[in-house]
Amino acid sequence: MDYQWYPGHMTKAMRQMKEDIKLIDLVIGLLDARIPISSRNPDIDNLGKNKARLVLLNKSDLADEAQNNKWIQYFKDKGIIALKINSKNKQGIKDINNAVLTVCKEKIERDKRKGIKNRPVRAMVVGIPNVGKSTFINAYAGKNCAKTGNKPGVTKGKQWIRLGKNLELLDTPGVLWPKFDDQKIGLHLAFIGSMNDNNLDMAELAYQLIKEVSKTYPEAFLNRYGIVGDEDPLQVMYQVAEVRGCKLKGNKPDLDKTSSMIMDDFRSGKLGRITIDCLN
């Protein structure tokens, strides 16, 4: 499959973000902890290159903890503060205020020298579709001020959210980029649900997921389905169909139902804590 998804509203969103970046002091970039490299939008990186930056590895509870720590160090080595968070249960959220003060120290001190007091830091929250930006904002703000959903494209326009006297957040729609240089990136984005599933062949997607996961987490399928991993992803799918009773008439395996189950189990963490973009 050719993994690509760039609907018209993303072009419009990027155009708006280019205008709004002039008002911004800080770019808070949410990445999916399972694919920290694949979920980095190069267009957003370029947009915020002259701004203070903070990286949040969201959904870190779904990723391999050892890999989470390696990625935190990876960004630290590049001079970028990164935190692991789980927006759903607010894990790591309380550490963000100090991180914002650290990365915006220059701006805050500059304002003080100019006699500007109590001017809030203006931060743009950016990321790919379905990375959890709105859930993060609601967790950070302590109230439901951003619309959330478990599919891409829920946030359609920008909205400002004021957090006390010191910080204002600009929520933005999730955006991808027009062309992936490496189709593996597109595949990884499809794994985590950042593309419209209706445009994808879920059986092919599950096949590719099994192929990748079996290399680094061979125990995942044994723990979840009680089956021994096979070098042939199709055989794994047949085994899962058998164990879970996903059958069509004539006792044939229902690979569509099986594929959806495998993808749902991966996305919800039922396959275990799995990082697709692994560091050595």
C-alpha atoms as a PDB file:
ATOM      1  CA  MET A   1       0.000   0.000   0.000  1.00  0.00           C
ATOM      2  CA  ASP A   2       0.927   3.637  -0.482  1.00  0.00           C
ATOM      3  CA  TYR A   3       0.480   5.221   2.938  1.00  0.00           C
ATOM      4  CA  GLN A   4      -0.406   8.865   2.440  1.00  0.00           C
ATOM      5  CA  TRP A   5      -3.124  11.145   3.831  1.00  0.00           C
ATOM      6  CA  TYR A   6      -3.199  14.917   3.417  1.00  0.00           C
ATOM      7  CA  PRO A   7      -6.769  16.224   3.142  1.00  0.00           C
ATOM      8  CA  GLY A   8      -7.461  19.856   2.268  1.00  0.00           C
ATOM      9  CA  HIS A   9      -8.106  21.004   5.833  1.00  0.00           C
ATOM     10  CA  MET A  10      -4.467  20.227   6.708  1.00  0.00           C
ATOM     11  CA  THR A  11      -3.218  22.649   4.033  1.00  0.00           C
ATOM     12  CA  LYS A  12      -5.500  25.315   5.494  1.00  0.00           C
ATOM     13  CA  ALA A  13      -4.356  24.501   9.053  1.00  0.00           C
ATOM     14  CA  MET A  14      -0.650  24.819   8.157  1.00  0.00           C
ATOM     15  CA  ARG A  15      -1.319  28.147   6.476  1.00  0.00           C
ATOM     16  CA  GLN A  16      -3.012  29.412   9.653  1.00  0.00           C
ATOM     17  CA  MET A  17      -0.203  28.096  11.863  1.00  0.00           C
ATOM     18  CA  LYS A  18       2.341  30.018   9.781  1.00  0.00           C
ATOM     19  CA  GLU A  19       0.397  33.181  10.586  1.00  0.00           C
ATOM     20  CA  ASP A  20      -0.062  32.360  14.277  1.00  0.00           C
ATOM     21  CA  ILE A  21       3.602  31.461  14.883  1.00  0.00           C
ATOM     22  CA  LYS A  22       4.387  35.205  14.927  1.00  0.00           C
ATOM     23  CA  LEU A  23       2.415  35.492  18.191  1.00  0.00           C
ATOM     24  CA  ILE A  24       4.085  32.486  19.832  1.00  0.00           C
ATOM     25  CA  ASP A  25       6.881  32.229  22.414  1.00  0.00           C
ATOM     26  CA  LEU A  26       6.931  28.450  22.795  1.00  0.00           C
ATOM     27  CA  VAL A  27       6.090  25.445  20.631  1.00  0.00           C
ATOM     28  CA  ILE A  28       4.879  22.435  22.623  1.00  0.00           C
ATOM     29  CA  GLY A  29       5.188  19.454  20.312  1.00  0.00           C
ATOM     30  CA  LEU A  30       3.329  16.258  21.178  1.00  0.00           C
ATOM     31  CA  LEU A  31       4.813  13.053  19.809  1.00  0.00           C
ATOM     32  CA  ASP A  32       3.448   9.539  20.126  1.00  0.00           C
ATOM     33  CA  ALA A  33       5.868   7.736  22.448  1.00  0.00           C
ATOM     34  CA  ARG A  34       5.542   4.567  20.340  1.00  0.00           C
ATOM     35  CA  ILE A  35       6.884   6.349  17.237  1.00  0.00           C
ATOM     36  CA  PRO A  36       8.839   9.451  18.338  1.00  0.00           C
ATOM     37  CA  ILE A  37      10.605   9.854  15.004  1.00  0.00           C
ATOM     38  CA  SER A  38       7.753   8.888  12.685  1.00  0.00           C
ATOM     39  CA  SER A  39       5.357  11.243  14.511  1.00  0.00           C
ATOM     40  CA  ARG A  40       7.645  14.294  14.116  1.00  0.00           C
ATOM     41  CA  ASN A  41       6.180  16.463  11.392  1.00  0.00           C
ATOM     42  CA  PRO A  42       9.156  18.080   9.590  1.00  0.00           C
ATOM     43  CA  ASP A  43       6.972  21.003   8.471  1.00  0.00           C
ATOM     44  CA  ILE A  44       6.109  21.773  12.118  1.00  0.00           C
ATOM     45  CA  ASP A  45       9.779  21.403  13.104  1.00  0.00           C
ATOM     46  CA  ASN A  46      10.678  23.944  10.440  1.00  0.00           C
ATOM     47  CA  LEU A  47       7.851  26.261  11.503  1.00  0.00           C
ATOM     48  CA  GLY A  48       9.052  26.392  15.115  1.00  0.00           C
ATOM     49  CA  LYS A  49      12.811  26.371  14.517  1.00  0.00           C
ATOM     50  CA  ASN A  50      13.345  29.881  15.949  1.00  0.00           C
ATOM     51  CA  LYS A  51      11.057  29.397  18.950  1.00  0.00           C
ATOM     52  CA  ALA A  52      11.577  27.851  22.384  1.00  0.00           C
ATOM     53  CA  ARG A  53      10.596  24.184  22.197  1.00  0.00           C
ATOM     54  CA  LEU A  54       9.274  21.522  24.520  1.00  0.00           C
ATOM     55  CA  VAL A  55       8.653  17.923  23.460  1.00  0.00           C
ATOM     56  CA  LEU A  56       6.036  15.736  25.164  1.00  0.00           C
ATOM     57  CA  LEU A  57       6.082  11.983  24.569  1.00  0.00           C
ATOM     58  CA  ASN A  58       2.368  11.320  24.953  1.00  0.00           C
ATOM     59  CA  LYS A  59       0.790   7.879  25.413  1.00  0.00           C
ATOM     60  CA  SER A  60       4.025   6.842  27.119  1.00  0.00           C
ATOM     61  CA  ASP A  61       2.037   4.205  29.034  1.00  0.00           C
ATOM     62  CA  LEU A  62       1.591   2.339  25.729  1.00  0.00           C
ATOM     63  CA  ALA A  63       5.308   2.426  24.890  1.00  0.00           C
ATOM     64  CA  ASP A  64       8.245   0.387  26.155  1.00  0.00           C
ATOM     65  CA  GLU A  65       9.498   2.167  29.298  1.00  0.00           C
ATOM     66  CA  ALA A  66      13.162   1.451  28.530  1.00  0.00           C
ATOM     67  CA  GLN A  67      12.671   3.032  25.103  1.00  0.00           C
ATOM     68  CA  ASN A  68      10.852   6.011  26.647  1.00  0.00           C
ATOM     69  CA  ASN A  69      13.929   6.751  28.725  1.00  0.00           C
ATOM     70  CA  LYS A  70      16.237   6.353  25.741  1.00  0.00           C
ATOM     71  CA  TRP A  71      14.161   8.843  23.761  1.00  0.00           C
ATOM     72  CA  ILE A  72      14.202  11.363  26.614  1.00  0.00           C
ATOM     73  CA  GLN A  73      18.009  11.121  26.550  1.00  0.00           C
ATOM     74  CA  TYR A  74      18.029  11.338  22.728  1.00  0.00           C
ATOM     75  CA  PHE A  75      16.278  14.712  22.844  1.00  0.00           C
ATOM     76  CA  LYS A  76      18.386  15.883  25.787  1.00  0.00           C
ATOM     77  CA  ASP A  77      21.507  15.199  23.726  1.00  0.00           C
ATOM     78  CA  LYS A  78      20.053  17.524  21.072  1.00  0.00           C
ATOM     79  CA  GLY A  79      19.442  20.260  23.628  1.00  0.00           C
ATOM     80  CA  ILE A  80      15.678  19.711  23.755  1.00  0.00           C
ATOM     81  CA  ILE A  81      13.745  19.102  26.970  1.00  0.00           C
ATOM     82  CA  ALA A  82      11.412  16.133  26.538  1.00  0.00           C
ATOM     83  CA  LEU A  83       8.954  14.710  29.066  1.00  0.00           C
ATOM     84  CA  LYS A  84       6.996  11.468  29.020  1.00  0.00           C
ATOM     85  CA  ILE A  85       3.316  11.940  29.759  1.00  0.00           C
ATOM     86  CA  ASN A  86       0.023  10.082  29.769  1.00  0.00           C
ATOM     87  CA  SER A  87      -2.682  12.676  29.209  1.00  0.00           C
ATOM     88  CA  LYS A  88      -5.501  10.273  30.024  1.00  0.00           C
ATOM     89  CA  ASN A  89      -4.466   9.769  33.651  1.00  0.00           C
ATOM     90  CA  LYS A  90      -2.482  13.041  33.917  1.00  0.00           C
ATOM     91  CA  GLN A  91       0.801  11.236  34.581  1.00  0.00           C
ATOM     92  CA  GLY A  92       3.714  13.635  34.071  1.00  0.00           C
ATOM     93  CA  ILE A  93       1.451  16.676  33.621  1.00  0.00           C
ATOM     94  CA  LYS A  94       2.619  18.355  36.838  1.00  0.00           C
ATOM     95  CA  ASP A  95       6.204  18.445  35.536  1.00  0.00           C
ATOM     96  CA  ILE A  96       5.292  20.639  32.573  1.00  0.00           C
ATOM     97  CA  ASN A  97       5.100  24.002  34.387  1.00  0.00           C
ATOM     98  CA  ASN A  98       8.750  23.830  35.475  1.00  0.00           C
ATOM     99  CA  ALA A  99       9.779  22.731  31.989  1.00  0.00           C
ATOM    100  CA  VAL A 100       7.929  25.707  30.453  1.00  0.00           C
ATOM    101  CA  LEU A 101       9.710  28.097  32.852  1.00  0.00           C
ATOM    102  CA  THR A 102      13.066  26.515  31.971  1.00  0.00           C
ATOM    103  CA  VAL A 103      12.700  26.678  28.183  1.00  0.00           C
ATOM    104  CA  CYS A 104      11.186  30.190  28.311  1.00  0.00           C
ATOM    105  CA  LYS A 105      13.675  31.583  30.838  1.00  0.00           C
ATOM    106  CA  GLU A 106      15.283  33.899  28.275  1.00  0.00           C
ATOM    107  CA  LYS A 107      11.935  35.346  27.198  1.00  0.00           C
ATOM    108  CA  ILE A 108      10.745  35.881  30.776  1.00  0.00           C
ATOM    109  CA  GLU A 109      14.004  37.622  31.777  1.00  0.00           C
ATOM    110  CA  ARG A 110      13.900  39.750  28.625  1.00  0.00           C
ATOM    111  CA  ASP A 111      10.381  40.914  29.506  1.00  0.00           C
ATOM    112  CA  LYS A 112      11.517  41.800  33.038  1.00  0.00           C
ATOM    113  CA  ARG A 113      14.397  43.909  31.704  1.00  0.00           C
ATOM    114  CA  LYS A 114      11.916  45.799  29.535  1.00  0.00           C
ATOM    115  CA  GLY A 115       9.632  46.350  32.516  1.00  0.00           C
ATOM    116  CA  ILE A 116       6.943  44.037  31.111  1.00  0.00           C
ATOM    117  CA  LYS A 117       5.269  42.236  33.996  1.00  0.00           C
ATOM    118  CA  ASN A 118       2.826  39.344  34.030  1.00  0.00           C
ATOM    119  CA  ARG A 119       2.767  38.893  30.277  1.00  0.00           C
ATOM    120  CA  PRO A 120       1.778  35.237  29.804  1.00  0.00           C
ATOM    121  CA  VAL A 121       3.880  32.827  27.798  1.00  0.00           C
ATOM    122  CA  ARG A 122       2.033  32.034  24.609  1.00  0.00           C
ATOM    123  CA  ALA A 123       2.461  28.429  23.562  1.00  0.00           C
ATOM    124  CA  MET A 124       1.284  26.657  20.427  1.00  0.00           C
ATOM    125  CA  VAL A 125       0.372  22.994  20.939  1.00  0.00           C
ATOM    126  CA  VAL A 126       1.197  21.041  17.786  1.00  0.00           C
ATOM    127  CA  GLY A 127       1.270  17.461  16.585  1.00  0.00           C
ATOM    128  CA  ILE A 128      -0.011  14.896  14.142  1.00  0.00           C
ATOM    129  CA  PRO A 129      -3.645  13.691  14.099  1.00  0.00           C
ATOM    130  CA  ASN A 130      -4.719  11.469  17.000  1.00  0.00           C
ATOM    131  CA  VAL A 131      -1.599  12.154  19.079  1.00  0.00           C
ATOM    132  CA  GLY A 132      -3.788  13.392  21.954  1.00  0.00           C
ATOM    133  CA  LYS A 133      -3.353  17.182  21.870  1.00  0.00           C
ATOM    134  CA  SER A 134      -6.866  18.004  23.050  1.00  0.00           C
ATOM    135  CA  THR A 135      -6.764  15.361  25.795  1.00  0.00           C
ATOM    136  CA  PHE A 136      -3.437  16.838  26.908  1.00  0.00           C
ATOM    137  CA  ILE A 137      -4.826  20.383  26.995  1.00  0.00           C
ATOM    138  CA  ASN A 138      -7.837  19.261  29.037  1.00  0.00           C
ATOM    139  CA  ALA A 139      -5.557  17.416  31.472  1.00  0.00           C
ATOM    140  CA  TYR A 140      -3.192  20.382  31.754  1.00  0.00           C
ATOM    141  CA  ALA A 141      -5.988  22.913  32.149  1.00  0.00           C
ATOM    142  CA  GLY A 142      -7.874  20.685  34.606  1.00  0.00           C
ATOM    143  CA  LYS A 143     -11.121  21.098  32.688  1.00  0.00           C
ATOM    144  CA  ASN A 144     -12.705  20.101  29.404  1.00  0.00           C
ATOM    145  CA  CYS A 145     -11.904  23.035  27.171  1.00  0.00           C
ATOM    146  CA  ALA A 146     -10.850  21.153  24.029  1.00  0.00           C
ATOM    147  CA  LYS A 147     -12.900  18.674  22.034  1.00  0.00           C
ATOM    148  CA  THR A 148     -11.438  15.153  22.084  1.00  0.00           C
ATOM    149  CA  GLY A 149     -11.873  11.926  20.152  1.00  0.00           C
ATOM    150  CA  ASN A 150     -10.111   8.664  19.377  1.00  0.00           C
ATOM    151  CA  LYS A 151      -9.884   9.297  15.662  1.00  0.00           C
ATOM    152  CA  PRO A 152      -7.940  11.838  13.588  1.00  0.00           C
ATOM    153  CA  GLY A 153      -9.462  15.162  12.604  1.00  0.00           C
ATOM    154  CA  VAL A 154     -11.498  16.039  15.704  1.00  0.00           C
ATOM    155  CA  THR A 155      -9.911  19.483  16.166  1.00  0.00           C
ATOM    156  CA  LYS A 156     -10.827  21.466  13.050  1.00  0.00           C
ATOM    157  CA  GLY A 157      -9.788  25.018  13.947  1.00  0.00           C
ATOM    158  CA  LYS A 158      -7.601  26.916  16.356  1.00  0.00           C
ATOM    159  CA  GLN A 159      -8.639  27.907  19.866  1.00  0.00           C
ATOM    160  CA  TRP A 160      -6.876  29.814  22.663  1.00  0.00           C
ATOM    161  CA  ILE A 161      -6.994  28.414  26.208  1.00  0.00           C
ATOM    162  CA  ARG A 162      -5.797  30.554  29.131  1.00  0.00           C
ATOM    163  CA  LEU A 163      -4.126  28.719  32.019  1.00  0.00           C
ATOM    164  CA  GLY A 164      -3.896  31.112  34.925  1.00  0.00           C
ATOM    165  CA  LYS A 165      -1.924  34.338  34.567  1.00  0.00           C
ATOM    166  CA  ASN A 166       1.280  32.868  33.195  1.00  0.00           C
ATOM    167  CA  LEU A 167       0.380  30.728  30.206  1.00  0.00           C
ATOM    168  CA  GLU A 168      -1.879  30.757  27.172  1.00  0.00           C
ATOM    169  CA  LEU A 169      -2.185  27.715  24.940  1.00  0.00           C
ATOM    170  CA  LEU A 170      -3.158  27.741  21.291  1.00  0.00           C
ATOM    171  CA  ASP A 171      -4.685  24.410  20.299  1.00  0.00           C
ATOM    172  CA  THR A 172      -4.228  23.542  16.622  1.00  0.00           C
ATOM    173  CA  PRO A 173      -5.553  20.790  14.337  1.00  0.00           C
ATOM    174  CA  GLY A 174      -3.445  17.694  13.864  1.00  0.00           C
ATOM    175  CA  VAL A 175      -1.508  17.875  10.622  1.00  0.00           C
ATOM    176  CA  LEU A 176       0.610  15.493   8.597  1.00  0.00           C
ATOM    177  CA  TRP A 177       2.841  16.548   5.714  1.00  0.00           C
ATOM    178  CA  PRO A 178       2.191  16.260   1.971  1.00  0.00           C
ATOM    179  CA  LYS A 179       4.691  13.521   1.105  1.00  0.00           C
ATOM    180  CA  PHE A 180       6.583  10.971   3.188  1.00  0.00           C
ATOM    181  CA  ASP A 181      10.156  10.445   2.012  1.00  0.00           C
ATOM    182  CA  ASP A 182      10.043   6.998   3.596  1.00  0.00           C
ATOM    183  CA  GLN A 183       6.888   4.890   3.294  1.00  0.00           C
ATOM    184  CA  LYS A 184       7.804   3.230   6.592  1.00  0.00           C
ATOM    185  CA  ILE A 185       6.888   6.507   8.302  1.00  0.00           C
ATOM    186  CA  GLY A 186       3.475   6.425   6.664  1.00  0.00           C
ATOM    187  CA  LEU A 187       3.058   2.813   7.777  1.00  0.00           C
ATOM    188  CA  HIS A 188       3.925   3.681  11.387  1.00  0.00           C
ATOM    189  CA  LEU A 189       1.472   6.578  11.354  1.00  0.00           C
ATOM    190  CA  ALA A 190      -1.207   4.212  10.089  1.00  0.00           C
ATOM    191  CA  PHE A 191      -0.381   1.779  12.921  1.00  0.00           C
ATOM    192  CA  ILE A 192      -1.267   4.323  15.613  1.00  0.00           C
ATOM    193  CA  GLY A 193      -4.407   5.638  13.900  1.00  0.00           C
ATOM    194  CA  SER A 194      -3.141   8.969  12.575  1.00  0.00           C
ATOM    195  CA  MET A 195      -4.671   8.272   9.187  1.00  0.00           C
ATOM    196  CA  ASN A 196      -8.263   7.614   8.247  1.00  0.00           C
ATOM    197  CA  ASP A 197      -8.768   3.845   8.674  1.00  0.00           C
ATOM    198  CA  ASN A 198     -11.464   3.967   5.989  1.00  0.00           C
ATOM    199  CA  ASN A 199      -8.738   4.631   3.431  1.00  0.00           C
ATOM    200  CA  LEU A 200      -6.601   1.690   4.553  1.00  0.00           C
ATOM    201  CA  ASP A 201      -6.508  -2.051   3.943  1.00  0.00           C
ATOM    202  CA  MET A 202      -6.691  -3.203   7.573  1.00  0.00           C
ATOM    203  CA  ALA A 203      -5.642  -6.769   6.737  1.00  0.00           C
ATOM    204  CA  GLU A 204      -2.473  -5.464   5.084  1.00  0.00           C
ATOM    205  CA  LEU A 205      -1.909  -3.102   8.012  1.00  0.00           C
ATOM    206  CA  ALA A 206      -2.263  -5.897  10.585  1.00  0.00           C
ATOM    207  CA  TYR A 207       0.071  -8.089   8.509  1.00  0.00           C
ATOM    208  CA  GLN A 208       2.745  -5.360   8.546  1.00  0.00           C
ATOM    209  CA  LEU A 209       2.233  -4.725  12.273  1.00  0.00           C
ATOM    210  CA  ILE A 210       2.744  -8.406  13.092  1.00  0.00           C
ATOM    211  CA  LYS A 211       5.850  -8.433  10.905  1.00  0.00           C
ATOM    212  CA  GLU A 212       7.394  -5.489  12.817  1.00  0.00           C
ATOM    213  CA  VAL A 213       6.271  -6.398  16.334  1.00  0.00           C
ATOM    214  CA  SER A 214       7.436 -10.008  16.014  1.00  0.00           C
ATOM    215  CA  LYS A 215      11.024  -8.830  15.531  1.00  0.00           C
ATOM    216  CA  THR A 216      11.297  -6.834  18.752  1.00  0.00           C
ATOM    217  CA  TYR A 217       8.448  -8.104  20.962  1.00  0.00           C
ATOM    218  CA  PRO A 218       7.935 -11.776  19.979  1.00  0.00           C
ATOM    219  CA  GLU A 219       6.207 -12.457  23.305  1.00  0.00           C
ATOM    220  CA  ALA A 220       3.376 -10.024  22.556  1.00  0.00           C
ATOM    221  CA  PHE A 221       1.179 -12.493  20.688  1.00  0.00           C
ATOM    222  CA  LEU A 222       1.863 -15.298  23.135  1.00  0.00           C
ATOM    223  CA  ASN A 223       0.866 -13.128  26.089  1.00  0.00           C
ATOM    224  CA  ARG A 224      -2.279 -11.793  24.449  1.00  0.00           C
ATOM    225  CA  TYR A 225      -3.557 -14.742  22.422  1.00  0.00           C
ATOM    226  CA  GLY A 226      -1.685 -17.726  23.824  1.00  0.00           C
ATOM    227  CA  ILE A 227      -0.076 -18.467  20.470  1.00  0.00           C
ATOM    228  CA  VAL A 228       3.578 -18.908  19.591  1.00  0.00           C
ATOM    229  CA  GLY A 229       4.791 -16.261  17.158  1.00  0.00           C
ATOM    230  CA  ASP A 230       5.417 -17.388  13.592  1.00  0.00           C
ATOM    231  CA  GLU A 231       7.845 -15.989  11.043  1.00  0.00           C
ATOM    232  CA  ASP A 232       4.902 -15.744   8.643  1.00  0.00           C
ATOM    233  CA  PRO A 233       2.521 -12.942   9.749  1.00  0.00           C
ATOM    234  CA  LEU A 234      -0.320 -14.569   7.821  1.00  0.00           C
ATOM    235  CA  GLN A 235       0.026 -17.704   9.946  1.00  0.00           C
ATOM    236  CA  VAL A 236      -0.200 -15.544  13.071  1.00  0.00           C
ATOM    237  CA  MET A 237      -3.418 -14.041  11.719  1.00  0.00           C
ATOM    238  CA  TYR A 238      -4.817 -17.517  11.050  1.00  0.00           C
ATOM    239  CA  GLN A 239      -3.899 -18.604  14.578  1.00  0.00           C
ATOM    240  CA  VAL A 240      -5.505 -15.541  16.165  1.00  0.00           C
ATOM    241  CA  ALA A 241      -8.651 -16.135  14.093  1.00  0.00           C
ATOM    242  CA  GLU A 242      -8.757 -19.719  15.359  1.00  0.00           C
ATOM    243  CA  VAL A 243      -8.143 -18.856  19.018  1.00  0.00           C
ATOM    244  CA  ARG A 244     -10.640 -15.964  19.052  1.00  0.00           C
ATOM    245  CA  GLY A 245     -13.292 -17.685  16.952  1.00  0.00           C
ATOM    246  CA  CYS A 246     -13.216 -15.183  14.098  1.00  0.00           C
ATOM    247  CA  LYS A 247     -14.851 -17.395  11.487  1.00  0.00           C
ATOM    248  CA  LEU A 248     -16.898 -17.042   8.326  1.00  0.00           C
ATOM    249  CA  LYS A 249     -19.328 -19.569   6.881  1.00  0.00           C
ATOM    250  CA  GLY A 250     -17.678 -22.876   6.167  1.00  0.00           C
ATOM    251  CA  ASN A 251     -15.338 -22.385   9.155  1.00  0.00           C
ATOM    252  CA  LYS A 252     -13.059 -20.104   7.137  1.00  0.00           C
ATOM    253  CA  PRO A 253     -11.008 -17.529   9.084  1.00  0.00           C
ATOM    254  CA  ASP A 254     -12.478 -14.026   9.070  1.00  0.00           C
ATOM    255  CA  LEU A 255      -9.291 -12.074   8.415  1.00  0.00           C
ATOM    256  CA  ASP A 256     -11.059  -8.709   8.322  1.00  0.00           C
ATOM    257  CA  LYS A 257     -12.429  -9.152  11.841  1.00  0.00           C
ATOM    258  CA  THR A 258      -9.114 -10.615  13.010  1.00  0.00           C
ATOM    259  CA  SER A 259      -7.149  -7.692  11.548  1.00  0.00           C
ATOM    260  CA  SER A 260      -9.364  -5.114  13.239  1.00  0.00           C
ATOM    261  CA  MET A 261      -8.976  -6.963  16.551  1.00  0.00           C
ATOM    262  CA  ILE A 262      -5.182  -7.063  16.291  1.00  0.00           C
ATOM    263  CA  MET A 263      -4.999  -3.353  15.411  1.00  0.00           C
ATOM    264  CA  ASP A 264      -7.362  -2.412  18.257  1.00  0.00           C
ATOM    265  CA  ASP A 265      -5.335  -4.505  20.702  1.00  0.00           C
ATOM    266  CA  PHE A 266      -2.114  -2.800  19.649  1.00  0.00           C
ATOM    267  CA  ARG A 267      -3.563   0.714  19.778  1.00  0.00           C
ATOM    268  CA  SER A 268      -5.116   0.183  23.212  1.00  0.00           C
ATOM    269  CA  GLY A 269      -1.983  -1.403  24.682  1.00  0.00           C
ATOM    270  CA  LYS A 270      -3.494  -4.871  25.090  1.00  0.00           C
ATOM    271  CA  LEU A 271      -0.569  -6.346  23.156  1.00  0.00           C
ATOM    272  CA  GLY A 272       1.732  -4.893  25.818  1.00  0.00           C
ATOM    273  CA  ARG A 273       3.946  -1.834  25.920  1.00  0.00           C
ATOM    274  CA  ILE A 274       5.421  -1.626  22.437  1.00  0.00           C
ATOM    275  CA  THR A 275       7.694   0.946  20.816  1.00  0.00           C
ATOM    276  CA  ILE A 276       7.876   0.782  17.030  1.00  0.00           C
ATOM    277  CA  ASP A 277      10.630   3.408  16.584  1.00  0.00           C
ATOM    278  CA  CYS A 278      13.314   1.717  18.719  1.00  0.00           C
ATOM    279  CA  LEU A 279      16.702   3.105  19.704  1.00  0.00           C
ATOM    280  CA  ASN A 280      19.590   0.691  20.268  1.00  0.00           C
END
